[in-house]
Amino acid sequence: MLNEVIKKLRTAHGLTQVELAYALGVSKQCVSNWENDYIQPSIEMLVKIAKYFKVTTDYLLDLDNRTIIDVSGLSDSEIAHIRQIINDILQR
């Protein structure tokens, strides 16, 4: 559910509802309403939330549960190192 994903992302980033609301330009009550499933964010706000958390809208809508790590700005060798770490963890 969208409400659960928003709350999970917010808490994982160590944000309060007030902090997320400020970052998105909405009220704390708006964030609370999303998380309590009283209202849904608009399509425009859904995109804004996805960009803020660096996830896809499909992830927000629970259509794709893959986690994406932004490696922009890293060298090819740094990216290869991160891939190796991930592979090592997955093989445990």
N, C-alpha and C. Protein backbone atom coordinates (compact mmCIF):
# COMPACT_ATOMS: atom_id res chain seq x y z
N MET A 1 0.83 -1.18 0.00
CA MET A 1 0.00 0.00 0.00
C MET A 1 0.88 1.25 0.00
N LEU A 2 0.44 2.25 -0.73
CA LEU A 2 1.19 3.49 -0.85
C LEU A 2 1.46 4.12 0.51
N ASN A 3 0.46 4.13 1.37
CA ASN A 3 0.64 4.75 2.69
C ASN A 3 1.76 4.08 3.47
N GLU A 4 1.86 2.78 3.39
CA GLU A 4 2.90 2.05 4.11
C GLU A 4 4.28 2.31 3.52
N VAL A 5 4.36 2.40 2.21
CA VAL A 5 5.63 2.64 1.55
C VAL A 5 6.15 4.04 1.90
N ILE A 6 5.27 5.03 1.88
CA ILE A 6 5.69 6.39 2.23
C ILE A 6 6.21 6.42 3.67
N LYS A 7 5.49 5.81 4.58
CA LYS A 7 5.92 5.80 5.98
C LYS A 7 7.25 5.06 6.14
N LYS A 8 7.39 3.93 5.45
CA LYS A 8 8.62 3.14 5.53
C LYS A 8 9.81 3.96 5.03
N LEU A 9 9.65 4.65 3.91
CA LEU A 9 10.73 5.47 3.37
C LEU A 9 11.06 6.62 4.31
N ARG A 10 10.03 7.27 4.83
CA ARG A 10 10.24 8.41 5.73
C ARG A 10 11.02 7.98 6.96
N THR A 11 10.59 6.90 7.59
CA THR A 11 11.25 6.46 8.82
C THR A 11 12.65 5.91 8.53
N ALA A 12 12.82 5.24 7.40
CA ALA A 12 14.14 4.72 7.03
C ALA A 12 15.14 5.84 6.83
N HIS A 13 14.66 6.99 6.40
CA HIS A 13 15.52 8.15 6.21
C HIS A 13 15.62 9.01 7.47
N GLY A 14 15.01 8.54 8.54
CA GLY A 14 15.09 9.25 9.81
C GLY A 14 14.39 10.59 9.82
N LEU A 15 13.32 10.70 9.04
CA LEU A 15 12.59 11.96 8.93
C LEU A 15 11.31 11.93 9.76
N THR A 16 10.97 13.07 10.32
CA THR A 16 9.65 13.22 10.94
C THR A 16 8.66 13.60 9.85
N GLN A 17 7.39 13.52 10.17
CA GLN A 17 6.38 13.96 9.20
C GLN A 17 6.56 15.44 8.88
N VAL A 18 6.94 16.23 9.87
CA VAL A 18 7.15 17.66 9.66
C VAL A 18 8.30 17.89 8.69
N GLU A 19 9.40 17.16 8.85
CA GLU A 19 10.56 17.32 7.98
C GLU A 19 10.23 16.92 6.54
N LEU A 20 9.51 15.81 6.37
CA LEU A 20 9.13 15.39 5.03
C LEU A 20 8.18 16.41 4.41
N ALA A 21 7.23 16.86 5.18
CA ALA A 21 6.27 17.86 4.68
C ALA A 21 7.01 19.11 4.20
N TYR A 22 7.96 19.58 4.98
CA TYR A 22 8.73 20.77 4.60
C TYR A 22 9.49 20.53 3.29
N ALA A 23 10.13 19.38 3.18
CA ALA A 23 10.91 19.05 1.98
C ALA A 23 10.02 18.99 0.73
N LEU A 24 8.77 18.57 0.91
CA LEU A 24 7.87 18.42 -0.24
C LEU A 24 6.98 19.64 -0.46
N GLY A 25 7.02 20.58 0.49
CA GLY A 25 6.21 21.79 0.34
C GLY A 25 4.74 21.58 0.65
N VAL A 26 4.46 20.66 1.58
CA VAL A 26 3.08 20.40 1.99
C VAL A 26 3.01 20.52 3.51
N SER A 27 1.81 20.38 4.06
CA SER A 27 1.65 20.45 5.52
C SER A 27 1.94 19.09 6.15
N LYS A 28 2.22 19.11 7.44
CA LYS A 28 2.43 17.88 8.21
C LYS A 28 1.16 17.04 8.16
N GLN A 29 0.01 17.72 8.22
CA GLN A 29 -1.27 17.02 8.16
C GLN A 29 -1.44 16.26 6.85
N CYS A 30 -0.92 16.82 5.79
CA CYS A 30 -0.99 16.15 4.48
C CYS A 30 -0.21 14.84 4.53
N VAL A 31 1.01 14.87 5.05
CA VAL A 31 1.83 13.66 5.17
C VAL A 31 1.12 12.66 6.08
N SER A 32 0.58 13.13 7.18
CA SER A 32 -0.15 12.26 8.11
C SER A 32 -1.33 11.60 7.41
N ASN A 33 -2.07 12.37 6.63
CA ASN A 33 -3.22 11.82 5.90
C ASN A 33 -2.79 10.76 4.89
N TRP A 34 -1.65 10.96 4.23
CA TRP A 34 -1.15 9.94 3.29
C TRP A 34 -0.82 8.66 4.05
N GLU A 35 -0.09 8.83 5.16
CA GLU A 35 0.37 7.65 5.91
C GLU A 35 -0.77 6.90 6.58
N ASN A 36 -1.83 7.59 6.92
CA ASN A 36 -2.99 6.94 7.53
C ASN A 36 -4.01 6.50 6.50
N ASP A 37 -3.68 6.67 5.22
CA ASP A 37 -4.51 6.25 4.10
C ASP A 37 -5.86 6.95 4.05
N TYR A 38 -5.88 8.22 4.52
CA TYR A 38 -7.10 9.02 4.43
C TYR A 38 -7.23 9.66 3.06
N ILE A 39 -6.10 10.07 2.50
CA ILE A 39 -6.08 10.65 1.15
C ILE A 39 -4.86 10.11 0.42
N GLN A 40 -4.87 10.23 -0.90
CA GLN A 40 -3.74 9.82 -1.73
C GLN A 40 -3.07 11.07 -2.29
N PRO A 41 -1.75 11.04 -2.43
CA PRO A 41 -1.09 12.18 -3.07
C PRO A 41 -1.49 12.27 -4.54
N SER A 42 -1.47 13.49 -5.07
CA SER A 42 -1.76 13.68 -6.50
C SER A 42 -0.65 13.02 -7.32
N ILE A 43 -0.88 12.87 -8.60
CA ILE A 43 0.12 12.29 -9.48
C ILE A 43 1.39 13.14 -9.44
N GLU A 44 1.24 14.45 -9.47
CA GLU A 44 2.39 15.33 -9.42
C GLU A 44 3.17 15.15 -8.13
N MET A 45 2.45 15.01 -7.01
CA MET A 45 3.11 14.81 -5.72
C MET A 45 3.75 13.43 -5.64
N LEU A 46 3.13 12.44 -6.24
CA LEU A 46 3.70 11.10 -6.28
C LEU A 46 5.07 11.14 -6.95
N VAL A 47 5.16 11.86 -8.05
CA VAL A 47 6.44 12.02 -8.75
C VAL A 47 7.44 12.75 -7.87
N LYS A 48 6.99 13.78 -7.19
CA LYS A 48 7.86 14.56 -6.30
C LYS A 48 8.39 13.69 -5.15
N ILE A 49 7.54 12.86 -4.58
CA ILE A 49 7.94 11.95 -3.50
C ILE A 49 8.97 10.96 -4.04
N ALA A 50 8.72 10.40 -5.21
CA ALA A 50 9.65 9.44 -5.81
C ALA A 50 11.01 10.09 -6.05
N LYS A 51 11.02 11.29 -6.58
CA LYS A 51 12.29 11.98 -6.82
C LYS A 51 13.00 12.28 -5.50
N TYR A 52 12.26 12.69 -4.49
CA TYR A 52 12.86 13.02 -3.21
C TYR A 52 13.57 11.81 -2.61
N PHE A 53 12.91 10.67 -2.64
CA PHE A 53 13.49 9.45 -2.05
C PHE A 53 14.35 8.66 -3.04
N LYS A 54 14.44 9.14 -4.29
CA LYS A 54 15.22 8.48 -5.33
C LYS A 54 14.76 7.04 -5.55
N VAL A 55 13.44 6.90 -5.68
CA VAL A 55 12.82 5.63 -6.02
C VAL A 55 11.92 5.85 -7.23
N THR A 56 11.40 4.79 -7.78
CA THR A 56 10.47 4.92 -8.90
C THR A 56 9.04 5.06 -8.37
N THR A 57 8.18 5.57 -9.22
CA THR A 57 6.78 5.62 -8.84
C THR A 57 6.21 4.20 -8.72
N ASP A 58 6.73 3.28 -9.52
CA ASP A 58 6.31 1.88 -9.39
C ASP A 58 6.65 1.34 -8.01
N TYR A 59 7.81 1.72 -7.48
CA TYR A 59 8.19 1.29 -6.13
C TYR A 59 7.19 1.87 -5.11
N LEU A 60 6.87 3.15 -5.25
CA LEU A 60 5.91 3.77 -4.32
C LEU A 60 4.57 3.07 -4.36
N LEU A 61 4.15 2.68 -5.55
CA LEU A 61 2.85 2.05 -5.73
C LEU A 61 2.88 0.55 -5.47
N ASP A 62 4.02 0.06 -5.00
CA ASP A 62 4.22 -1.35 -4.66
C ASP A 62 4.03 -2.26 -5.87
N LEU A 63 4.43 -1.75 -7.04
CA LEU A 63 4.37 -2.54 -8.26
C LEU A 63 5.73 -3.15 -8.58
N ASP A 64 6.77 -2.63 -7.92
CA ASP A 64 8.13 -3.08 -8.14
C ASP A 64 8.88 -2.91 -6.82
N ASN A 65 9.31 -4.01 -6.24
CA ASN A 65 9.94 -3.92 -4.93
C ASN A 65 11.46 -3.88 -4.98
N ARG A 66 12.02 -3.69 -6.18
CA ARG A 66 13.47 -3.57 -6.29
C ARG A 66 13.93 -2.25 -5.68
N THR A 67 15.08 -2.29 -5.04
CA THR A 67 15.69 -1.09 -4.50
C THR A 67 16.80 -0.67 -5.45
N ILE A 68 16.82 0.60 -5.78
CA ILE A 68 17.81 1.12 -6.71
C ILE A 68 18.77 2.01 -5.94
N ILE A 69 20.05 1.83 -6.19
CA ILE A 69 21.08 2.65 -5.56
C ILE A 69 21.65 3.56 -6.64
N ASP A 70 21.61 4.86 -6.39
CA ASP A 70 22.13 5.85 -7.33
C ASP A 70 23.65 5.90 -7.20
N VAL A 71 24.35 5.50 -8.24
CA VAL A 71 25.80 5.51 -8.22
C VAL A 71 26.37 6.59 -9.14
N SER A 72 25.53 7.56 -9.48
CA SER A 72 25.99 8.66 -10.32
C SER A 72 27.18 9.34 -9.67
N GLY A 73 28.17 9.64 -10.48
CA GLY A 73 29.35 10.33 -9.98
C GLY A 73 30.45 9.41 -9.49
N LEU A 74 30.17 8.12 -9.41
CA LEU A 74 31.21 7.18 -8.99
C LEU A 74 31.97 6.67 -10.21
N SER A 75 33.21 6.29 -10.00
CA SER A 75 34.02 5.75 -11.10
C SER A 75 33.57 4.31 -11.39
N ASP A 76 34.00 3.81 -12.54
CA ASP A 76 33.68 2.43 -12.91
C ASP A 76 34.23 1.44 -11.88
N SER A 77 35.41 1.71 -11.38
CA SER A 77 35.99 0.79 -10.39
C SER A 77 35.23 0.86 -9.07
N GLU A 78 34.75 2.02 -8.68
CA GLU A 78 33.95 2.14 -7.46
C GLU A 78 32.62 1.40 -7.60
N ILE A 79 32.01 1.52 -8.77
CA ILE A 79 30.76 0.81 -9.03
C ILE A 79 30.99 -0.69 -9.02
N ALA A 80 32.09 -1.15 -9.60
CA ALA A 80 32.42 -2.57 -9.59
C ALA A 80 32.61 -3.06 -8.15
N HIS A 81 33.23 -2.24 -7.33
CA HIS A 81 33.44 -2.60 -5.93
C HIS A 81 32.11 -2.75 -5.20
N ILE A 82 31.19 -1.84 -5.43
CA ILE A 82 29.86 -1.90 -4.81
C ILE A 82 29.13 -3.16 -5.28
N ARG A 83 29.22 -3.45 -6.57
CA ARG A 83 28.58 -4.68 -7.09
C ARG A 83 29.14 -5.91 -6.40
N GLN A 84 30.45 -5.94 -6.19
CA GLN A 84 31.07 -7.09 -5.54
C GLN A 84 30.59 -7.23 -4.10
N ILE A 85 30.47 -6.12 -3.40
CA ILE A 85 29.96 -6.15 -2.02
C ILE A 85 28.55 -6.71 -1.99
N ILE A 86 27.70 -6.25 -2.91
CA ILE A 86 26.32 -6.72 -2.98
C ILE A 86 26.30 -8.22 -3.29
N ASN A 87 27.11 -8.65 -4.24
CA ASN A 87 27.16 -10.08 -4.58
C ASN A 87 27.61 -10.91 -3.38
N ASP A 88 28.61 -10.43 -2.64
CA ASP A 88 29.09 -11.14 -1.46
C ASP A 88 27.97 -11.28 -0.42
N ILE A 89 27.23 -10.22 -0.21
CA ILE A 89 26.14 -10.24 0.77
C ILE A 89 25.04 -11.22 0.33
N LEU A 90 24.71 -11.20 -0.95
CA LEU A 90 23.65 -12.09 -1.45
C LEU A 90 24.03 -13.55 -1.38
N GLN A 91 25.32 -13.87 -1.38
CA GLN A 91 25.77 -15.26 -1.36
C GLN A 91 25.86 -15.81 0.04
N ARG A 92 25.62 -15.01 1.07
CA ARG A 92 25.68 -15.50 2.46
C ARG A 92 24.58 -16.47 2.74
